[in-house]
Amino acid sequence: MKHWKYQEEDIVETRHREEYIRIYEKIFRDCNEVPWTIVPSDKNWYKNYCILHTIVKELSRYDIRYPHAY
């Protein structure tokens, strides 16, 4: 069961909720040319796996070669 961390500043931040939602929606509306990857964040190990998997998959598209060791 999840135990949420509570801080007094959270009350102040909830007053900005509508603004946050509006900005969040604007980002996805105006930045839709980049392929987005939705990353689940409820498990840290799985979040890290998804991020690294996406990076490795993207980098594999390029012909990257290591320099010769002398």
N, C-alpha and C. Protein backbone atom coordinates (compact mmCIF):
# COMPACT_ATOMS: atom_id res chain seq x y z
N MET A 1 0.85 -1.17 0.00
CA MET A 1 0.00 0.00 0.00
C MET A 1 0.90 1.24 0.00
N LYS A 2 0.54 2.18 -0.81
CA LYS A 2 1.34 3.40 -0.95
C LYS A 2 1.04 4.36 0.19
N HIS A 3 2.09 4.90 0.80
CA HIS A 3 1.96 5.94 1.81
C HIS A 3 2.47 7.23 1.18
N TRP A 4 1.61 8.19 1.04
CA TRP A 4 1.97 9.43 0.37
C TRP A 4 2.69 10.35 1.33
N LYS A 5 3.67 11.04 0.78
CA LYS A 5 4.39 12.04 1.56
C LYS A 5 3.62 13.35 1.49
N TYR A 6 3.42 13.97 2.59
CA TYR A 6 2.66 15.21 2.64
C TYR A 6 3.54 16.32 3.18
N GLN A 7 3.48 17.46 2.52
CA GLN A 7 4.18 18.64 2.99
C GLN A 7 3.21 19.81 2.97
N GLU A 8 3.42 20.75 3.84
CA GLU A 8 2.52 21.90 3.90
C GLU A 8 2.46 22.67 2.59
N GLU A 9 3.58 22.67 1.83
CA GLU A 9 3.61 23.39 0.56
C GLU A 9 2.65 22.77 -0.46
N ASP A 10 2.25 21.53 -0.24
CA ASP A 10 1.33 20.88 -1.16
C ASP A 10 0.00 21.62 -1.25
N ILE A 11 -0.44 22.18 -0.15
CA ILE A 11 -1.70 22.93 -0.16
C ILE A 11 -1.59 24.15 -1.07
N VAL A 12 -0.47 24.84 -1.01
CA VAL A 12 -0.25 26.01 -1.87
C VAL A 12 -0.21 25.56 -3.33
N GLU A 13 0.46 24.46 -3.61
CA GLU A 13 0.60 23.99 -4.99
C GLU A 13 -0.73 23.55 -5.59
N THR A 14 -1.63 23.03 -4.78
CA THR A 14 -2.92 22.60 -5.32
C THR A 14 -3.72 23.77 -5.88
N ARG A 15 -3.42 24.95 -5.44
CA ARG A 15 -4.10 26.14 -5.97
C ARG A 15 -3.73 26.39 -7.43
N HIS A 16 -2.60 25.84 -7.86
CA HIS A 16 -2.11 26.05 -9.22
C HIS A 16 -2.47 24.88 -10.15
N ARG A 17 -3.29 23.98 -9.68
CA ARG A 17 -3.59 22.76 -10.42
C ARG A 17 -4.14 23.04 -11.82
N GLU A 18 -5.09 23.92 -11.93
CA GLU A 18 -5.69 24.22 -13.24
C GLU A 18 -4.64 24.78 -14.20
N GLU A 19 -3.77 25.63 -13.70
CA GLU A 19 -2.71 26.19 -14.54
C GLU A 19 -1.76 25.08 -14.99
N TYR A 20 -1.40 24.18 -14.09
CA TYR A 20 -0.52 23.07 -14.44
C TYR A 20 -1.15 22.20 -15.52
N ILE A 21 -2.41 21.91 -15.39
CA ILE A 21 -3.11 21.09 -16.38
C ILE A 21 -3.12 21.79 -17.73
N ARG A 22 -3.39 23.07 -17.74
CA ARG A 22 -3.43 23.85 -18.98
C ARG A 22 -2.05 23.82 -19.67
N ILE A 23 -0.99 24.01 -18.90
CA ILE A 23 0.36 24.00 -19.47
C ILE A 23 0.72 22.61 -19.97
N TYR A 24 0.39 21.59 -19.21
CA TYR A 24 0.65 20.21 -19.59
C TYR A 24 -0.01 19.89 -20.93
N GLU A 25 -1.26 20.27 -21.08
CA GLU A 25 -1.98 20.03 -22.33
C GLU A 25 -1.39 20.82 -23.49
N LYS A 26 -0.95 22.04 -23.21
CA LYS A 26 -0.32 22.87 -24.25
C LYS A 26 0.98 22.23 -24.74
N ILE A 27 1.76 21.69 -23.83
CA ILE A 27 3.01 21.03 -24.21
C ILE A 27 2.74 19.89 -25.18
N PHE A 28 1.79 19.04 -24.87
CA PHE A 28 1.50 17.91 -25.75
C PHE A 28 0.82 18.35 -27.05
N ARG A 29 0.09 19.42 -27.02
CA ARG A 29 -0.56 19.91 -28.22
C ARG A 29 0.46 20.56 -29.16
N ASP A 30 1.38 21.36 -28.60
CA ASP A 30 2.30 22.14 -29.43
C ASP A 30 3.62 21.43 -29.71
N CYS A 31 3.88 20.36 -29.04
CA CYS A 31 5.16 19.65 -29.21
C CYS A 31 4.91 18.24 -29.73
N ASN A 32 4.05 18.11 -30.70
CA ASN A 32 3.67 16.78 -31.15
C ASN A 32 4.49 16.26 -32.31
N GLU A 33 5.53 16.97 -32.71
CA GLU A 33 6.37 16.49 -33.81
C GLU A 33 7.41 15.48 -33.33
N VAL A 34 7.77 15.53 -32.09
CA VAL A 34 8.74 14.60 -31.53
C VAL A 34 8.00 13.33 -31.10
N PRO A 35 8.55 12.15 -31.40
CA PRO A 35 7.88 10.95 -30.90
C PRO A 35 8.01 10.85 -29.38
N TRP A 36 6.90 10.77 -28.71
CA TRP A 36 6.89 10.72 -27.25
C TRP A 36 6.90 9.27 -26.79
N THR A 37 7.51 9.06 -25.65
CA THR A 37 7.48 7.75 -25.01
C THR A 37 6.89 7.96 -23.62
N ILE A 38 5.80 7.29 -23.36
CA ILE A 38 5.19 7.36 -22.05
C ILE A 38 5.88 6.35 -21.16
N VAL A 39 6.41 6.81 -20.05
CA VAL A 39 7.18 5.95 -19.15
C VAL A 39 6.42 5.75 -17.85
N PRO A 40 6.10 4.49 -17.53
CA PRO A 40 5.45 4.24 -16.25
C PRO A 40 6.41 4.55 -15.11
N SER A 41 5.90 5.10 -14.05
CA SER A 41 6.82 5.53 -12.97
C SER A 41 6.46 4.94 -11.61
N ASP A 42 5.60 3.94 -11.59
CA ASP A 42 5.23 3.40 -10.29
C ASP A 42 6.27 2.44 -9.72
N LYS A 43 7.13 1.89 -10.56
CA LYS A 43 8.23 1.04 -10.11
C LYS A 43 9.53 1.61 -10.66
N ASN A 44 10.45 2.00 -9.78
CA ASN A 44 11.69 2.63 -10.23
C ASN A 44 12.50 1.75 -11.17
N TRP A 45 12.62 0.46 -10.86
CA TRP A 45 13.43 -0.41 -11.72
C TRP A 45 12.83 -0.49 -13.12
N TYR A 46 11.51 -0.54 -13.21
CA TYR A 46 10.87 -0.65 -14.52
C TYR A 46 10.94 0.68 -15.26
N LYS A 47 10.80 1.78 -14.55
CA LYS A 47 10.95 3.11 -15.15
C LYS A 47 12.34 3.24 -15.76
N ASN A 48 13.37 2.88 -15.00
CA ASN A 48 14.75 2.96 -15.50
C ASN A 48 14.96 2.05 -16.70
N TYR A 49 14.39 0.84 -16.64
CA TYR A 49 14.50 -0.08 -17.77
C TYR A 49 13.88 0.53 -19.03
N CYS A 50 12.68 1.09 -18.91
CA CYS A 50 12.00 1.68 -20.07
C CYS A 50 12.80 2.84 -20.66
N ILE A 51 13.35 3.67 -19.82
CA ILE A 51 14.14 4.81 -20.30
C ILE A 51 15.39 4.32 -21.03
N LEU A 52 16.13 3.40 -20.41
CA LEU A 52 17.35 2.89 -21.03
C LEU A 52 17.05 2.11 -22.30
N HIS A 53 15.99 1.33 -22.30
CA HIS A 53 15.61 0.58 -23.49
C HIS A 53 15.31 1.53 -24.65
N THR A 54 14.61 2.61 -24.38
CA THR A 54 14.28 3.59 -25.41
C THR A 54 15.55 4.26 -25.94
N ILE A 55 16.47 4.60 -25.05
CA ILE A 55 17.72 5.24 -25.48
C ILE A 55 18.54 4.29 -26.33
N VAL A 56 18.70 3.05 -25.89
CA VAL A 56 19.49 2.07 -26.65
C VAL A 56 18.86 1.82 -28.01
N LYS A 57 17.54 1.68 -28.05
CA LYS A 57 16.85 1.44 -29.32
C LYS A 57 17.07 2.62 -30.28
N GLU A 58 16.98 3.83 -29.77
CA GLU A 58 17.17 5.02 -30.61
C GLU A 58 18.62 5.12 -31.09
N LEU A 59 19.58 4.88 -30.21
CA LEU A 59 20.99 4.97 -30.60
C LEU A 59 21.39 3.89 -31.59
N SER A 60 20.71 2.76 -31.57
CA SER A 60 21.05 1.66 -32.48
C SER A 60 20.73 2.03 -33.94
N ARG A 61 19.97 3.06 -34.15
CA ARG A 61 19.66 3.51 -35.51
C ARG A 61 20.85 4.20 -36.18
N TYR A 62 21.83 4.60 -35.40
CA TYR A 62 22.98 5.32 -35.91
C TYR A 62 24.18 4.39 -36.02
N ASP A 63 25.04 4.69 -36.97
CA ASP A 63 26.26 3.90 -37.16
C ASP A 63 27.36 4.49 -36.28
N ILE A 64 27.29 4.19 -35.01
CA ILE A 64 28.26 4.75 -34.06
C ILE A 64 29.44 3.78 -33.93
N ARG A 65 30.62 4.32 -34.09
CA ARG A 65 31.83 3.50 -33.98
C ARG A 65 32.74 4.12 -32.94
N TYR A 66 33.33 3.25 -32.14
CA TYR A 66 34.28 3.71 -31.13
C TYR A 66 35.61 4.02 -31.81
N PRO A 67 36.35 5.01 -31.30
CA PRO A 67 37.67 5.30 -31.88
C PRO A 67 38.65 4.16 -31.51
N HIS A 68 39.65 4.02 -32.34
CA HIS A 68 40.67 3.00 -32.09
C HIS A 68 41.48 3.37 -30.86
N ALA A 69 41.80 2.38 -30.06
CA ALA A 69 42.67 2.60 -28.90
C ALA A 69 44.12 2.46 -29.36
N TYR A 70 44.94 3.39 -28.99
CA TYR A 70 46.35 3.35 -29.40
C TYR A 70 47.22 3.03 -28.24
